[in-house]
N, C-alpha and C. Protein backbone atom coordinates (compact mmCIF):
# COMPACT_ATOMS: atom_id res chain seq x y z
N MET A 1 20.81 -20.37 23.57
CA MET A 1 19.78 -19.62 24.27
C MET A 1 19.40 -20.41 25.53
N SER A 2 19.38 -19.74 26.65
CA SER A 2 19.06 -20.40 27.92
C SER A 2 17.55 -20.62 28.03
N ASN A 3 17.17 -21.50 28.97
CA ASN A 3 15.74 -21.72 29.20
C ASN A 3 15.04 -20.44 29.62
N ASP A 4 15.71 -19.60 30.43
CA ASP A 4 15.12 -18.32 30.83
C ASP A 4 14.89 -17.43 29.63
N ASP A 5 15.84 -17.41 28.68
CA ASP A 5 15.69 -16.60 27.46
C ASP A 5 14.53 -17.12 26.62
N ILE A 6 14.41 -18.42 26.51
CA ILE A 6 13.32 -19.01 25.73
C ILE A 6 11.97 -18.66 26.36
N ILE A 7 11.87 -18.78 27.67
CA ILE A 7 10.62 -18.46 28.36
C ILE A 7 10.28 -16.99 28.20
N ARG A 8 11.29 -16.11 28.36
CA ARG A 8 11.06 -14.67 28.19
C ARG A 8 10.57 -14.38 26.78
N GLU A 9 11.21 -14.98 25.77
CA GLU A 9 10.80 -14.73 24.39
C GLU A 9 9.38 -15.24 24.13
N LEU A 10 9.02 -16.38 24.67
CA LEU A 10 7.66 -16.90 24.50
C LEU A 10 6.64 -15.97 25.15
N LYS A 11 6.93 -15.46 26.34
CA LYS A 11 6.04 -14.52 27.01
C LYS A 11 5.94 -13.22 26.21
N ASP A 12 7.08 -12.75 25.70
CA ASP A 12 7.09 -11.51 24.91
C ASP A 12 6.28 -11.69 23.63
N ARG A 13 6.46 -12.82 22.98
CA ARG A 13 5.72 -13.12 21.75
C ARG A 13 4.21 -13.11 22.03
N GLU A 14 3.80 -13.73 23.10
CA GLU A 14 2.38 -13.77 23.45
C GLU A 14 1.83 -12.37 23.73
N GLU A 15 2.61 -11.54 24.43
CA GLU A 15 2.16 -10.17 24.72
C GLU A 15 1.99 -9.36 23.44
N ILE A 16 2.97 -9.45 22.54
CA ILE A 16 2.89 -8.69 21.28
C ILE A 16 1.69 -9.14 20.47
N LEU A 17 1.50 -10.45 20.32
CA LEU A 17 0.38 -10.94 19.52
C LEU A 17 -0.96 -10.58 20.16
N ALA A 18 -1.05 -10.66 21.48
CA ALA A 18 -2.29 -10.28 22.16
C ALA A 18 -2.62 -8.81 21.88
N LYS A 19 -1.60 -7.96 21.87
CA LYS A 19 -1.84 -6.54 21.59
C LYS A 19 -2.22 -6.31 20.13
N LYS A 20 -1.64 -7.08 19.22
CA LYS A 20 -2.00 -6.96 17.80
C LYS A 20 -3.45 -7.39 17.58
N TYR A 21 -3.84 -8.51 18.21
CA TYR A 21 -5.23 -8.96 18.08
C TYR A 21 -6.20 -7.94 18.69
N ARG A 22 -5.83 -7.36 19.83
CA ARG A 22 -6.67 -6.34 20.48
C ARG A 22 -6.82 -5.12 19.57
N TYR A 23 -5.73 -4.73 18.90
CA TYR A 23 -5.77 -3.61 17.96
C TYR A 23 -6.79 -3.90 16.85
N CYS A 24 -6.77 -5.12 16.30
CA CYS A 24 -7.71 -5.46 15.23
C CYS A 24 -9.15 -5.45 15.72
N ARG A 25 -9.38 -5.99 16.91
CA ARG A 25 -10.75 -5.95 17.47
C ARG A 25 -11.20 -4.52 17.71
N ALA A 26 -10.28 -3.67 18.17
CA ALA A 26 -10.62 -2.26 18.40
C ALA A 26 -10.92 -1.55 17.08
N ALA A 27 -10.18 -1.90 16.03
CA ALA A 27 -10.47 -1.32 14.71
C ALA A 27 -11.88 -1.68 14.27
N ASP A 28 -12.28 -2.93 14.52
CA ASP A 28 -13.64 -3.36 14.17
C ASP A 28 -14.70 -2.65 15.00
N ALA A 29 -14.35 -2.31 16.23
CA ALA A 29 -15.28 -1.60 17.12
C ALA A 29 -15.21 -0.09 16.92
N LEU A 30 -14.34 0.38 16.03
CA LEU A 30 -14.12 1.80 15.78
C LEU A 30 -13.73 2.52 17.06
N ASP A 31 -12.93 1.86 17.88
CA ASP A 31 -12.50 2.39 19.17
C ASP A 31 -11.06 2.90 19.05
N HIS A 32 -10.92 4.17 18.73
CA HIS A 32 -9.60 4.77 18.50
C HIS A 32 -8.72 4.73 19.74
N ASP A 33 -9.32 4.93 20.91
CA ASP A 33 -8.53 4.94 22.14
C ASP A 33 -7.83 3.60 22.37
N VAL A 34 -8.56 2.51 22.18
CA VAL A 34 -7.95 1.19 22.35
C VAL A 34 -6.93 0.92 21.24
N MET A 35 -7.24 1.33 20.02
CA MET A 35 -6.27 1.16 18.92
C MET A 35 -4.95 1.83 19.27
N LEU A 36 -5.03 3.02 19.85
CA LEU A 36 -3.82 3.79 20.15
C LEU A 36 -3.02 3.22 21.32
N GLU A 37 -3.64 2.41 22.16
CA GLU A 37 -2.95 1.85 23.33
C GLU A 37 -1.70 1.06 22.97
N SER A 38 -1.65 0.50 21.77
CA SER A 38 -0.51 -0.36 21.42
C SER A 38 0.66 0.40 20.81
N PHE A 39 0.58 1.74 20.72
CA PHE A 39 1.63 2.52 20.06
C PHE A 39 2.44 3.36 21.05
N THR A 40 3.71 3.56 20.71
CA THR A 40 4.55 4.48 21.47
C THR A 40 4.13 5.91 21.15
N ASP A 41 4.46 6.86 22.03
CA ASP A 41 4.12 8.26 21.79
C ASP A 41 4.79 8.80 20.53
N ASP A 42 5.98 8.28 20.20
CA ASP A 42 6.74 8.77 19.04
C ASP A 42 6.65 7.83 17.84
N CYS A 43 5.52 7.12 17.73
CA CYS A 43 5.37 6.14 16.65
C CYS A 43 5.50 6.80 15.27
N GLN A 44 5.91 5.98 14.30
CA GLN A 44 6.04 6.40 12.91
C GLN A 44 5.15 5.49 12.07
N ILE A 45 4.16 6.09 11.40
CA ILE A 45 3.15 5.31 10.69
C ILE A 45 3.10 5.72 9.23
N ASP A 46 2.94 4.73 8.34
CA ASP A 46 2.81 5.00 6.91
C ASP A 46 1.73 4.07 6.34
N PHE A 47 0.54 4.62 6.09
CA PHE A 47 -0.56 3.85 5.54
C PHE A 47 -0.69 3.98 4.02
N TYR A 48 -0.10 5.03 3.44
CA TYR A 48 -0.23 5.26 1.99
C TYR A 48 1.13 5.59 1.40
N PRO A 49 1.66 4.71 0.55
CA PRO A 49 2.96 5.00 -0.07
C PRO A 49 2.85 6.15 -1.06
N ASP A 50 3.94 6.82 -1.26
CA ASP A 50 4.00 7.88 -2.27
C ASP A 50 2.95 8.97 -2.05
N SER A 51 2.64 9.26 -0.80
CA SER A 51 1.64 10.27 -0.49
C SER A 51 1.94 10.83 0.89
N ASP A 52 1.56 12.08 1.10
CA ASP A 52 1.69 12.66 2.44
C ASP A 52 0.52 12.24 3.33
N LEU A 53 -0.52 11.66 2.72
CA LEU A 53 -1.67 11.21 3.47
C LEU A 53 -1.32 9.93 4.22
N GLY A 54 -1.97 9.73 5.35
CA GLY A 54 -1.79 8.49 6.08
C GLY A 54 -0.45 8.33 6.75
N LYS A 55 0.24 9.44 6.97
CA LYS A 55 1.52 9.42 7.69
C LYS A 55 1.28 10.01 9.08
N ALA A 56 1.98 9.47 10.06
CA ALA A 56 1.90 10.02 11.41
C ALA A 56 3.27 9.87 12.05
N ALA A 57 3.67 10.90 12.78
CA ALA A 57 4.96 10.89 13.47
C ALA A 57 4.78 10.99 14.98
N SER A 58 3.57 10.69 15.45
CA SER A 58 3.29 10.70 16.89
C SER A 58 1.94 10.02 17.11
N LYS A 59 1.69 9.67 18.34
CA LYS A 59 0.40 9.08 18.69
C LYS A 59 -0.73 10.09 18.48
N ASP A 60 -0.48 11.37 18.74
CA ASP A 60 -1.50 12.40 18.52
C ASP A 60 -1.86 12.51 17.04
N GLU A 61 -0.86 12.47 16.16
CA GLU A 61 -1.14 12.51 14.72
C GLU A 61 -1.87 11.24 14.27
N LEU A 62 -1.52 10.12 14.86
CA LEU A 62 -2.18 8.86 14.51
C LEU A 62 -3.65 8.89 14.91
N ARG A 63 -3.96 9.49 16.06
CA ARG A 63 -5.36 9.63 16.49
C ARG A 63 -6.17 10.39 15.43
N VAL A 64 -5.62 11.50 14.93
CA VAL A 64 -6.31 12.28 13.90
C VAL A 64 -6.56 11.42 12.66
N PHE A 65 -5.55 10.65 12.25
CA PHE A 65 -5.70 9.79 11.08
C PHE A 65 -6.81 8.76 11.31
N PHE A 66 -6.79 8.07 12.46
CA PHE A 66 -7.81 7.05 12.74
C PHE A 66 -9.21 7.66 12.73
N VAL A 67 -9.39 8.80 13.37
CA VAL A 67 -10.71 9.43 13.43
C VAL A 67 -11.20 9.76 12.02
N GLU A 68 -10.34 10.36 11.19
CA GLU A 68 -10.74 10.73 9.83
C GLU A 68 -10.97 9.50 8.95
N ALA A 69 -10.10 8.51 9.05
CA ALA A 69 -10.20 7.34 8.18
C ALA A 69 -11.43 6.50 8.53
N GLN A 70 -11.82 6.48 9.80
CA GLN A 70 -12.94 5.63 10.19
C GLN A 70 -14.27 6.37 10.26
N GLU A 71 -14.28 7.67 10.00
CA GLU A 71 -15.52 8.43 10.07
C GLU A 71 -16.60 7.85 9.15
N PRO A 72 -16.29 7.46 7.91
CA PRO A 72 -17.36 6.94 7.05
C PRO A 72 -17.67 5.46 7.26
N VAL A 73 -16.97 4.79 8.15
CA VAL A 73 -17.11 3.34 8.33
C VAL A 73 -18.27 3.03 9.28
N LEU A 74 -19.15 2.14 8.83
CA LEU A 74 -20.24 1.66 9.67
C LEU A 74 -19.85 0.38 10.40
N SER A 75 -19.11 -0.48 9.72
CA SER A 75 -18.74 -1.77 10.29
C SER A 75 -17.50 -2.28 9.56
N SER A 76 -16.69 -3.07 10.27
CA SER A 76 -15.51 -3.65 9.62
C SER A 76 -15.13 -4.96 10.29
N SER A 77 -14.29 -5.70 9.62
CA SER A 77 -13.80 -6.97 10.14
C SER A 77 -12.36 -7.15 9.66
N HIS A 78 -11.44 -7.23 10.61
CA HIS A 78 -10.01 -7.37 10.30
C HIS A 78 -9.54 -8.77 10.69
N HIS A 79 -8.84 -9.43 9.77
CA HIS A 79 -8.33 -10.78 9.98
C HIS A 79 -6.85 -10.81 9.63
N ILE A 80 -6.00 -11.22 10.57
CA ILE A 80 -4.57 -11.30 10.29
C ILE A 80 -4.12 -12.75 10.26
N SER A 81 -3.11 -13.00 9.43
CA SER A 81 -2.57 -14.35 9.29
C SER A 81 -1.11 -14.27 8.87
N ASN A 82 -0.51 -15.45 8.67
CA ASN A 82 0.89 -15.55 8.22
C ASN A 82 1.79 -14.68 9.08
N ILE A 83 1.59 -14.78 10.38
CA ILE A 83 2.35 -13.94 11.32
C ILE A 83 3.79 -14.42 11.40
N ASP A 84 4.70 -13.50 11.20
CA ASP A 84 6.13 -13.79 11.30
C ASP A 84 6.73 -12.76 12.25
N LEU A 85 7.06 -13.20 13.45
CA LEU A 85 7.57 -12.33 14.49
C LEU A 85 9.01 -12.72 14.78
N ARG A 86 9.91 -11.76 14.67
CA ARG A 86 11.33 -12.00 14.90
C ARG A 86 11.86 -11.02 15.93
N PHE A 87 12.68 -11.52 16.82
CA PHE A 87 13.30 -10.66 17.83
C PHE A 87 14.65 -10.20 17.32
N VAL A 88 14.79 -8.89 17.15
CA VAL A 88 16.04 -8.28 16.73
C VAL A 88 17.01 -8.26 17.91
N SER A 89 16.44 -8.03 19.09
CA SER A 89 17.19 -8.04 20.35
C SER A 89 16.19 -8.39 21.44
N ALA A 90 16.63 -8.38 22.68
CA ALA A 90 15.71 -8.68 23.78
C ALA A 90 14.62 -7.63 23.92
N ASP A 91 14.85 -6.42 23.35
CA ASP A 91 13.90 -5.32 23.53
C ASP A 91 13.31 -4.78 22.24
N VAL A 92 13.59 -5.42 21.11
CA VAL A 92 13.06 -4.97 19.81
C VAL A 92 12.63 -6.20 19.02
N ALA A 93 11.43 -6.12 18.44
CA ALA A 93 10.91 -7.21 17.62
C ALA A 93 10.31 -6.63 16.34
N THR A 94 10.37 -7.42 15.28
CA THR A 94 9.77 -7.05 14.01
C THR A 94 8.66 -8.04 13.71
N LEU A 95 7.50 -7.52 13.38
CA LEU A 95 6.34 -8.35 13.08
C LEU A 95 5.85 -8.03 11.67
N HIS A 96 5.71 -9.06 10.86
CA HIS A 96 5.08 -8.94 9.56
C HIS A 96 3.91 -9.90 9.56
N CYS A 97 2.77 -9.45 9.06
CA CYS A 97 1.62 -10.34 8.91
C CYS A 97 0.75 -9.83 7.78
N TYR A 98 -0.11 -10.71 7.32
CA TYR A 98 -1.02 -10.36 6.25
C TYR A 98 -2.39 -10.04 6.83
N LEU A 99 -3.11 -9.19 6.12
CA LEU A 99 -4.40 -8.70 6.59
C LEU A 99 -5.43 -8.88 5.48
N TYR A 100 -6.59 -9.36 5.86
CA TYR A 100 -7.78 -9.23 5.03
C TYR A 100 -8.73 -8.36 5.84
N SER A 101 -9.26 -7.30 5.23
CA SER A 101 -10.24 -6.47 5.93
C SER A 101 -11.44 -6.21 5.03
N TRP A 102 -12.58 -6.16 5.67
CA TRP A 102 -13.84 -5.81 5.02
C TRP A 102 -14.37 -4.58 5.74
N GLN A 103 -14.89 -3.64 4.96
CA GLN A 103 -15.49 -2.44 5.55
C GLN A 103 -16.80 -2.12 4.84
N ARG A 104 -17.78 -1.74 5.64
CA ARG A 104 -19.05 -1.23 5.12
C ARG A 104 -19.10 0.25 5.48
N PHE A 105 -19.50 1.07 4.50
CA PHE A 105 -19.46 2.52 4.66
C PHE A 105 -20.86 3.12 4.72
N ARG A 106 -20.92 4.33 5.27
CA ARG A 106 -22.16 5.10 5.22
C ARG A 106 -22.55 5.22 3.74
N GLY A 107 -23.83 5.15 3.48
CA GLY A 107 -24.29 5.25 2.10
C GLY A 107 -24.50 3.90 1.44
N TYR A 108 -24.23 2.81 2.17
CA TYR A 108 -24.46 1.48 1.61
C TYR A 108 -25.95 1.33 1.31
N PRO A 109 -26.40 0.78 0.20
CA PRO A 109 -25.65 0.00 -0.78
C PRO A 109 -25.09 0.81 -1.95
N GLU A 110 -25.42 2.12 -2.01
CA GLU A 110 -24.87 2.92 -3.10
C GLU A 110 -23.34 2.98 -3.03
N VAL A 111 -22.82 3.02 -1.81
CA VAL A 111 -21.37 2.96 -1.59
C VAL A 111 -21.04 1.51 -1.27
N GLY A 112 -20.26 0.88 -2.14
CA GLY A 112 -19.98 -0.54 -1.98
C GLY A 112 -19.03 -0.85 -0.83
N ASP A 113 -19.10 -2.09 -0.37
CA ASP A 113 -18.17 -2.57 0.65
C ASP A 113 -16.76 -2.63 0.06
N CYS A 114 -15.77 -2.45 0.93
CA CYS A 114 -14.37 -2.56 0.52
C CYS A 114 -13.79 -3.86 1.07
N HIS A 115 -13.12 -4.60 0.21
CA HIS A 115 -12.39 -5.81 0.59
C HIS A 115 -10.92 -5.53 0.27
N ARG A 116 -10.06 -5.70 1.27
CA ARG A 116 -8.64 -5.34 1.07
C ARG A 116 -7.74 -6.43 1.61
N TRP A 117 -6.70 -6.72 0.84
CA TRP A 117 -5.66 -7.67 1.23
C TRP A 117 -4.37 -6.87 1.34
N ALA A 118 -3.71 -6.93 2.49
CA ALA A 118 -2.55 -6.08 2.72
C ALA A 118 -1.52 -6.78 3.60
N ARG A 119 -0.41 -6.09 3.81
CA ARG A 119 0.63 -6.59 4.71
C ARG A 119 0.99 -5.49 5.71
N TYR A 120 1.05 -5.86 6.99
CA TYR A 120 1.57 -5.00 8.03
C TYR A 120 3.05 -5.30 8.20
N GLU A 121 3.87 -4.26 8.27
CA GLU A 121 5.30 -4.38 8.58
C GLU A 121 5.54 -3.49 9.79
N GLU A 122 5.90 -4.10 10.93
CA GLU A 122 5.89 -3.36 12.19
C GLU A 122 7.17 -3.60 13.00
N GLU A 123 7.48 -2.60 13.82
CA GLU A 123 8.54 -2.75 14.82
C GLU A 123 7.91 -2.53 16.18
N TRP A 124 8.19 -3.43 17.10
CA TRP A 124 7.70 -3.36 18.47
C TRP A 124 8.89 -3.21 19.39
N VAL A 125 8.70 -2.44 20.48
CA VAL A 125 9.79 -2.21 21.43
C VAL A 125 9.28 -2.44 22.86
N ARG A 126 10.20 -2.93 23.69
CA ARG A 126 9.86 -3.11 25.11
C ARG A 126 9.95 -1.75 25.80
N THR A 127 8.92 -1.39 26.54
CA THR A 127 8.89 -0.12 27.27
C THR A 127 8.54 -0.42 28.73
N ASP A 128 8.50 0.60 29.53
CA ASP A 128 8.07 0.45 30.93
C ASP A 128 6.61 -0.01 31.01
N ASP A 129 5.84 0.24 29.94
CA ASP A 129 4.44 -0.16 29.88
C ASP A 129 4.24 -1.46 29.10
N GLY A 130 5.31 -2.22 28.91
CA GLY A 130 5.23 -3.46 28.13
C GLY A 130 5.60 -3.20 26.68
N TRP A 131 5.30 -4.17 25.83
CA TRP A 131 5.63 -4.05 24.41
C TRP A 131 4.67 -3.09 23.73
N LEU A 132 5.24 -2.15 22.95
CA LEU A 132 4.44 -1.18 22.19
C LEU A 132 4.98 -1.10 20.77
N GLN A 133 4.11 -0.71 19.89
CA GLN A 133 4.45 -0.61 18.47
C GLN A 133 5.07 0.75 18.19
N ARG A 134 6.28 0.73 17.61
CA ARG A 134 6.97 1.98 17.29
C ARG A 134 6.78 2.36 15.82
N THR A 135 6.70 1.36 14.93
CA THR A 135 6.47 1.67 13.52
C THR A 135 5.40 0.74 12.96
N LEU A 136 4.68 1.25 11.98
CA LEU A 136 3.71 0.47 11.24
C LEU A 136 3.75 0.95 9.79
N VAL A 137 4.03 0.03 8.90
CA VAL A 137 3.97 0.29 7.47
C VAL A 137 2.88 -0.63 6.92
N TYR A 138 1.96 -0.07 6.16
CA TYR A 138 0.78 -0.78 5.65
C TYR A 138 0.84 -0.76 4.14
N ARG A 139 0.93 -1.94 3.52
CA ARG A 139 1.02 -2.01 2.07
C ARG A 139 -0.05 -2.95 1.53
N VAL A 140 -0.77 -2.49 0.52
CA VAL A 140 -1.90 -3.21 -0.04
C VAL A 140 -1.44 -4.08 -1.22
N ALA A 141 -1.87 -5.34 -1.19
CA ALA A 141 -1.62 -6.24 -2.32
C ALA A 141 -2.72 -6.06 -3.36
N GLY A 142 -3.95 -5.86 -2.89
CA GLY A 142 -5.07 -5.65 -3.80
C GLY A 142 -6.32 -5.32 -3.02
N GLU A 143 -7.30 -4.74 -3.72
CA GLU A 143 -8.56 -4.42 -3.07
C GLU A 143 -9.69 -4.34 -4.09
N LEU A 144 -10.89 -4.50 -3.58
CA LEU A 144 -12.11 -4.31 -4.36
C LEU A 144 -12.89 -3.18 -3.71
N ASN A 145 -13.36 -2.24 -4.52
CA ASN A 145 -14.13 -1.09 -4.04
C ASN A 145 -13.32 -0.26 -3.05
N GLY A 146 -12.20 0.28 -3.52
CA GLY A 146 -11.31 1.06 -2.68
C GLY A 146 -11.91 2.34 -2.17
N ASP A 147 -11.16 2.97 -1.30
CA ASP A 147 -11.61 4.19 -0.64
C ASP A 147 -11.35 5.42 -1.51
N ALA A 148 -11.42 6.58 -0.90
CA ALA A 148 -11.27 7.85 -1.63
C ALA A 148 -9.89 8.02 -2.26
N PHE A 149 -8.92 7.19 -1.85
CA PHE A 149 -7.59 7.30 -2.42
C PHE A 149 -7.45 6.52 -3.71
N GLY A 150 -8.53 5.90 -4.16
CA GLY A 150 -8.51 5.16 -5.41
C GLY A 150 -8.10 3.72 -5.20
N LEU A 151 -8.18 2.98 -6.28
CA LEU A 151 -7.82 1.57 -6.24
C LEU A 151 -6.37 1.40 -5.84
N ARG A 152 -6.14 0.52 -4.88
CA ARG A 152 -4.78 0.24 -4.43
C ARG A 152 -4.47 -1.20 -4.78
N ILE A 153 -3.33 -1.40 -5.41
CA ILE A 153 -2.94 -2.75 -5.80
C ILE A 153 -1.42 -2.82 -5.97
N GLY A 154 -0.86 -3.93 -5.59
CA GLY A 154 0.54 -4.21 -5.87
C GLY A 154 1.56 -3.42 -5.07
N GLU A 155 1.16 -2.83 -3.94
CA GLU A 155 2.12 -2.03 -3.16
C GLU A 155 3.18 -2.88 -2.48
N ILE A 156 2.93 -4.19 -2.39
CA ILE A 156 3.94 -5.05 -1.77
C ILE A 156 4.89 -5.66 -2.80
N VAL A 157 4.63 -5.42 -4.09
CA VAL A 157 5.50 -5.94 -5.13
C VAL A 157 6.87 -5.27 -5.02
N ASN A 158 7.91 -6.06 -5.14
CA ASN A 158 9.30 -5.60 -5.08
C ASN A 158 9.68 -5.03 -3.72
N ARG A 159 8.89 -5.34 -2.69
CA ARG A 159 9.28 -4.99 -1.31
C ARG A 159 9.85 -6.24 -0.70
N PRO A 160 10.97 -6.14 -0.02
CA PRO A 160 11.54 -7.34 0.59
C PRO A 160 10.63 -7.90 1.67
N VAL A 161 10.65 -9.20 1.80
CA VAL A 161 9.89 -9.84 2.87
C VAL A 161 10.42 -9.34 4.21
N TRP A 162 11.73 -9.21 4.31
CA TRP A 162 12.40 -8.67 5.50
C TRP A 162 13.44 -7.68 5.02
N PRO A 163 13.71 -6.64 5.77
CA PRO A 163 14.68 -5.63 5.35
C PRO A 163 16.05 -6.18 4.99
N ASP A 164 16.45 -7.30 5.61
CA ASP A 164 17.77 -7.85 5.33
C ASP A 164 17.77 -8.83 4.15
N VAL A 165 16.64 -8.91 3.42
CA VAL A 165 16.53 -9.82 2.28
C VAL A 165 16.50 -8.99 1.00
N ASP A 166 17.35 -9.35 0.07
CA ASP A 166 17.38 -8.68 -1.22
C ASP A 166 16.17 -9.15 -2.05
N PRO A 167 15.30 -8.23 -2.51
CA PRO A 167 14.11 -8.64 -3.27
C PRO A 167 14.46 -9.49 -4.49
N ALA A 168 15.59 -9.24 -5.13
CA ALA A 168 15.98 -10.01 -6.30
C ALA A 168 16.20 -11.48 -5.95
N SER A 169 16.62 -11.74 -4.72
CA SER A 169 16.90 -13.11 -4.33
C SER A 169 15.62 -13.91 -4.09
N VAL A 170 14.50 -13.25 -3.84
CA VAL A 170 13.26 -13.97 -3.63
C VAL A 170 12.38 -13.96 -4.87
N ALA A 171 12.82 -13.30 -5.92
CA ALA A 171 12.02 -13.22 -7.15
C ALA A 171 12.06 -14.53 -7.92
N ASN A 172 13.04 -15.34 -7.67
CA ASN A 172 13.17 -16.60 -8.42
C ASN A 172 12.39 -17.71 -7.83
């Protein structure tokens, strides 16, 4: 890898992470417009496995999901860690990271706060507008006081850490 390639990749990495952090801050501010800024128009989103809910096949569909999902939210705090960003090519990157989120809902204290631990699995692509997110898969490891979809737990079990890794090989 040349020095120019290394510098380009470092700049690209910084741009992607800055956009991911901005997305999380926008989620806490309940700002759907800023949340949507990091997605391609033809994005593919999956927030709920084994359900037609929480799926989006465009930025317009994702806007509807964000508005509905955040309507009962009064306040939230999103924290990401264990960031693993890999470049598939000069114009495609895969990002996996872990999320802890807290949400307070309308009706508190009768409606309890939600604490959720999850994993984001994402694909980012270089566009004329910079790096944008093309896919987002959201899988919950566990939660306390889940939302209307019921308790979510163990959705990351038996999912490969990376698509090219056989889950059986990491089970040992």
